[in-house]
Amino acid sequence: MARALFVVSEEGYWGEECIEPLTTLSDAGVEVTVATPSGSPPVIDERSLDPEMVGEGTADRVREVHETDERLNDPEPLAAVDADGFDAVVYPGGHGTVWDVNQDRDARRILAETVESGGTALVVCHAVGILAFTRGSDGSFLVDGRRVTGFPNEWEEDTVEANDVMPDGRKLPYWVEDEVVAAGGDWDAELDSETSVTVDGGLLTARGPESSAEAARTLLEELGIERPA
């Protein structure tokens, strides 16, 4: 049985970007483990539960899984996780990742070890920012020369207010696209397309919530697992 690790933010993950891959992989028979930086339950971005923003069906489904899934409610601490135990690692997005997951040394360790050992990593939306801080065993940025997508500057401009302040009052410390490009990533968020999922070797990246389902399907394909009928 394939095993996947989900690295989820305690500062605010975007519901669909976690729940869609988690349920898709689980339904396909993948054994899923959830980890957070400290081992405390992940926190969901309340905006991703707003029916007016994401639709009533998505909001209800995401809320139910967030509140009832035992794996989400009893995660492992990242420092205690060995990347060797998993075939894939998934980094759901959400603005919260810029404050914890993307800066976490163990989150970066697991990502680098997974990709360099021939495993598969799926990184979504704002979590793609972790690529700006992750170096491989040779000291170079893991993203250098790789094709990637992620949350684009054009969308961030519509999110932040004056002085890069978020609607919740926190200042956004960096913009994902800027940092990933500076680390050598070949960035294309495919803004003319409804969805954007990019595969470069063992690294899969997805642009945002609307790409979550496609990203989950692509991950199963990369793992050689058929979706249930």
Protein backbone atom coordinates (compact mmCIF):
# COMPACT_ATOMS: atom_id res chain seq x y z
CA MET A 1 0.00 0.00 0.00
CA ALA A 2 1.28 3.43 -0.95
CA ARG A 3 1.77 5.92 1.86
CA ALA A 4 1.47 9.71 1.71
CA LEU A 5 2.37 12.39 4.23
CA PHE A 6 0.35 15.63 4.38
CA VAL A 7 2.23 18.61 5.84
CA VAL A 8 -0.47 21.03 6.96
CA SER A 9 -0.30 24.55 8.36
CA GLU A 10 -1.17 25.54 11.92
CA GLU A 11 -1.45 29.16 10.79
CA GLY A 12 -4.22 28.72 8.23
CA TYR A 13 -4.48 26.12 5.45
CA TRP A 14 -6.91 26.52 2.55
CA GLY A 15 -9.58 23.86 2.97
CA GLU A 16 -10.05 22.54 -0.55
CA GLU A 17 -6.31 22.37 -1.20
CA CYS A 18 -5.96 19.86 1.63
CA ILE A 19 -9.29 18.05 1.70
CA GLU A 20 -9.54 17.34 -2.04
CA PRO A 21 -6.17 15.53 -2.28
CA LEU A 22 -6.63 13.89 1.13
CA THR A 23 -10.00 12.34 0.29
CA THR A 24 -8.98 11.46 -3.27
CA LEU A 25 -5.88 9.60 -2.12
CA SER A 26 -7.73 7.92 0.74
CA ASP A 27 -10.49 6.73 -1.61
CA ALA A 28 -7.79 5.24 -3.86
CA GLY A 29 -6.39 3.19 -0.97
CA VAL A 30 -3.39 5.37 -0.10
CA GLU A 31 -2.51 5.37 3.60
CA VAL A 32 -2.39 9.00 4.72
CA THR A 33 -0.53 10.48 7.68
CA VAL A 34 -0.91 14.14 8.67
CA ALA A 35 1.86 16.20 10.26
CA THR A 36 2.09 19.81 11.40
CA PRO A 37 5.09 21.84 12.54
CA SER A 38 4.44 21.38 16.26
CA GLY A 39 2.09 18.40 16.20
CA SER A 40 -0.94 20.51 17.11
CA PRO A 41 -4.05 20.16 14.95
CA PRO A 42 -3.93 22.25 11.78
CA VAL A 43 -5.93 25.47 11.62
CA ILE A 44 -8.17 26.16 8.65
CA ASP A 45 -8.45 29.53 6.94
CA GLU A 46 -12.04 30.54 7.68
CA ARG A 47 -12.31 32.18 4.27
CA SER A 48 -12.10 28.72 2.72
CA LEU A 49 -15.27 27.80 4.61
CA ASP A 50 -17.23 30.81 3.37
CA PRO A 51 -20.06 29.60 1.07
CA GLU A 52 -20.06 32.94 -0.74
CA MET A 53 -16.39 32.48 -1.60
CA VAL A 54 -16.09 28.75 -2.30
CA GLY A 55 -19.67 27.58 -2.80
CA GLU A 56 -21.99 25.93 -0.32
CA GLY A 57 -21.17 22.36 -1.35
CA THR A 58 -17.42 22.82 -1.04
CA ALA A 59 -17.75 24.70 2.24
CA ASP A 60 -19.91 21.98 3.81
CA ARG A 61 -17.70 19.12 2.61
CA VAL A 62 -14.47 20.78 3.71
CA ARG A 63 -15.85 21.69 7.12
CA GLU A 64 -17.07 18.15 7.76
CA VAL A 65 -13.72 16.55 6.93
CA HIS A 66 -11.76 19.20 8.83
CA GLU A 67 -13.82 18.64 11.96
CA THR A 68 -14.17 14.84 11.87
CA ASP A 69 -11.08 13.37 10.21
CA GLU A 70 -8.99 11.70 12.92
CA ARG A 71 -5.76 12.20 10.99
CA LEU A 72 -6.27 15.96 10.88
CA ASN A 73 -7.25 16.08 14.52
CA ASP A 74 -4.27 14.06 15.78
CA PRO A 75 -1.25 14.92 13.59
CA GLU A 76 2.39 14.00 14.02
CA PRO A 77 5.05 16.66 14.78
CA LEU A 78 7.22 17.22 11.72
CA ALA A 79 10.47 16.74 13.61
CA ALA A 80 9.44 13.15 14.38
CA VAL A 81 8.69 12.24 10.75
CA ASP A 82 11.08 10.23 8.57
CA ALA A 83 10.63 10.90 4.86
CA ASP A 84 11.77 7.36 4.03
CA GLY A 85 8.45 6.02 5.25
CA PHE A 86 6.41 7.64 2.50
CA ASP A 87 5.97 7.36 -1.25
CA ALA A 88 4.63 10.90 -1.53
CA VAL A 89 4.41 14.09 0.46
CA VAL A 90 1.70 16.71 0.01
CA TYR A 91 1.93 20.36 1.03
CA PRO A 92 -1.52 22.00 0.93
CA GLY A 93 -1.52 25.74 0.50
CA GLY A 94 -3.14 28.67 2.23
CA HIS A 95 -1.64 31.98 3.30
CA GLY A 96 -0.81 30.45 6.67
CA THR A 97 2.00 28.41 5.13
CA VAL A 98 4.12 31.53 4.65
CA TRP A 99 4.39 31.84 8.43
CA ASP A 100 5.04 28.21 9.41
CA VAL A 101 5.36 25.34 6.93
CA ASN A 102 7.47 27.19 4.36
CA GLN A 103 9.88 28.31 7.06
CA ASP A 104 10.04 24.99 8.90
CA ARG A 105 13.39 23.18 8.65
CA ASP A 106 11.79 19.74 8.96
CA ALA A 107 9.19 20.54 6.30
CA ARG A 108 12.06 21.52 4.00
CA ARG A 109 14.09 18.45 4.98
CA ILE A 110 11.23 16.11 4.16
CA LEU A 111 10.60 17.82 0.82
CA ALA A 112 14.22 17.64 -0.28
CA GLU A 113 14.70 14.06 0.86
CA THR A 114 11.51 12.94 -0.88
CA VAL A 115 12.36 14.47 -4.24
CA GLU A 116 16.05 13.51 -4.17
CA SER A 117 15.27 9.90 -3.24
CA GLY A 118 12.91 9.42 -6.18
CA GLY A 119 9.66 10.02 -4.31
CA THR A 120 6.90 12.37 -5.35
CA ALA A 121 5.98 15.73 -3.81
CA LEU A 122 2.84 17.75 -4.47
CA VAL A 123 3.05 21.40 -3.40
CA VAL A 124 0.00 23.64 -3.75
CA CYS A 125 -0.62 27.39 -3.97
CA HIS A 126 1.15 29.41 -1.22
CA ALA A 127 2.98 26.31 -0.02
CA VAL A 128 4.97 26.51 -3.26
CA GLY A 129 6.86 29.22 -1.41
CA ILE A 130 8.72 26.48 0.48
CA LEU A 131 10.71 25.93 -2.71
CA ALA A 132 12.33 29.33 -2.22
CA PHE A 133 13.91 28.09 1.01
CA THR A 134 14.61 24.41 0.32
CA ARG A 135 18.07 23.29 -0.70
CA GLY A 136 19.14 19.88 -1.92
CA SER A 137 22.03 17.81 -0.63
CA ASP A 138 24.46 19.70 -2.89
CA GLY A 139 23.46 23.04 -1.38
CA SER A 140 21.60 24.35 -4.42
CA PHE A 141 17.96 25.36 -4.37
CA LEU A 142 15.72 22.39 -5.08
CA VAL A 143 13.62 24.49 -7.47
CA ASP A 144 16.56 25.82 -9.50
CA GLY A 145 15.83 25.08 -13.16
CA ARG A 146 12.53 23.30 -12.47
CA ARG A 147 9.22 24.23 -14.05
CA VAL A 148 6.68 25.26 -11.41
CA THR A 149 3.31 26.91 -10.92
CA GLY A 150 1.83 28.46 -7.79
CA PHE A 151 -0.08 31.42 -6.37
CA PRO A 152 0.82 34.30 -8.70
CA ASN A 153 1.62 37.92 -7.93
CA GLU A 154 -1.36 39.01 -10.00
CA TRP A 155 -3.70 37.26 -7.55
CA GLU A 156 -1.76 38.43 -4.50
CA GLU A 157 -2.33 42.01 -5.57
CA ASP A 158 -6.07 41.42 -5.15
CA THR A 159 -5.59 39.85 -1.70
CA VAL A 160 -3.35 42.18 0.27
CA GLU A 161 -4.21 45.71 1.31
CA ALA A 162 -1.86 48.68 1.78
CA ASN A 163 1.65 47.79 2.98
CA ASP A 164 1.09 44.10 2.18
CA VAL A 165 -1.31 43.71 5.10
CA MET A 166 -3.72 40.78 4.93
CA PRO A 167 -7.45 41.17 5.67
CA ASP A 168 -6.79 39.60 9.10
CA GLY A 169 -4.23 42.30 9.93
CA ARG A 170 -1.06 40.25 9.47
CA LYS A 171 1.64 41.56 7.14
CA LEU A 172 2.50 39.14 4.37
CA PRO A 173 6.26 38.56 4.75
CA TYR A 174 6.90 37.69 1.10
CA TRP A 175 5.16 36.97 -2.18
CA VAL A 176 5.49 33.39 -3.38
CA GLU A 177 6.17 34.06 -7.05
CA ASP A 178 8.93 36.57 -6.31
CA GLU A 179 10.81 34.26 -3.97
CA VAL A 180 10.51 31.12 -6.08
CA VAL A 181 11.71 32.93 -9.19
CA ALA A 182 14.64 34.37 -7.23
CA ALA A 183 15.59 30.81 -6.23
CA GLY A 184 15.77 29.79 -9.90
CA GLY A 185 12.30 28.40 -10.53
CA ASP A 186 10.94 28.47 -14.08
CA TRP A 187 7.59 30.02 -13.14
CA ASP A 188 4.40 29.82 -15.21
CA ALA A 189 1.06 30.05 -13.38
CA GLU A 190 -0.82 29.64 -16.69
CA LEU A 191 -3.18 32.50 -15.94
CA ASP A 192 -5.12 31.93 -19.16
CA SER A 193 -6.08 28.40 -18.01
CA GLU A 194 -8.80 27.41 -15.56
CA THR A 195 -6.38 25.08 -13.77
CA SER A 196 -2.61 24.83 -13.53
CA VAL A 197 -0.68 21.72 -12.49
CA THR A 198 2.98 21.31 -13.43
CA VAL A 199 5.08 18.14 -13.25
CA ASP A 200 8.88 18.31 -13.30
CA GLY A 201 10.39 15.01 -12.28
CA GLY A 202 9.22 14.12 -8.81
CA LEU A 203 8.01 17.66 -8.12
CA LEU A 204 4.34 18.48 -8.74
CA THR A 205 3.05 22.01 -8.19
CA ALA A 206 -0.49 23.36 -8.39
CA ARG A 207 -1.66 26.97 -8.66
CA GLY A 208 -4.58 27.14 -6.24
CA PRO A 209 -7.93 25.76 -5.03
CA GLU A 210 -9.43 25.29 -8.49
CA SER A 211 -6.47 23.07 -9.41
CA SER A 212 -6.78 20.81 -6.34
CA ALA A 213 -8.79 18.04 -8.00
CA GLU A 214 -6.51 17.92 -11.04
CA ALA A 215 -3.47 17.92 -8.76
CA ALA A 216 -4.82 14.96 -6.80
CA ARG A 217 -5.51 13.00 -9.99
CA THR A 218 -2.06 13.80 -11.32
CA LEU A 219 -0.44 12.65 -8.10
CA LEU A 220 -2.24 9.30 -8.31
CA GLU A 221 -1.04 8.94 -11.91
CA GLU A 222 2.54 9.66 -10.87
CA LEU A 223 2.23 7.00 -8.16
CA GLY A 224 0.83 4.51 -10.66
CA ILE A 225 -2.47 4.20 -8.75
CA GLU A 226 -5.83 3.96 -10.49
CA ARG A 227 -8.72 5.98 -9.14
CA PRO A 228 -11.66 3.92 -7.88
CA ALA A 229 -14.56 3.64 -10.32
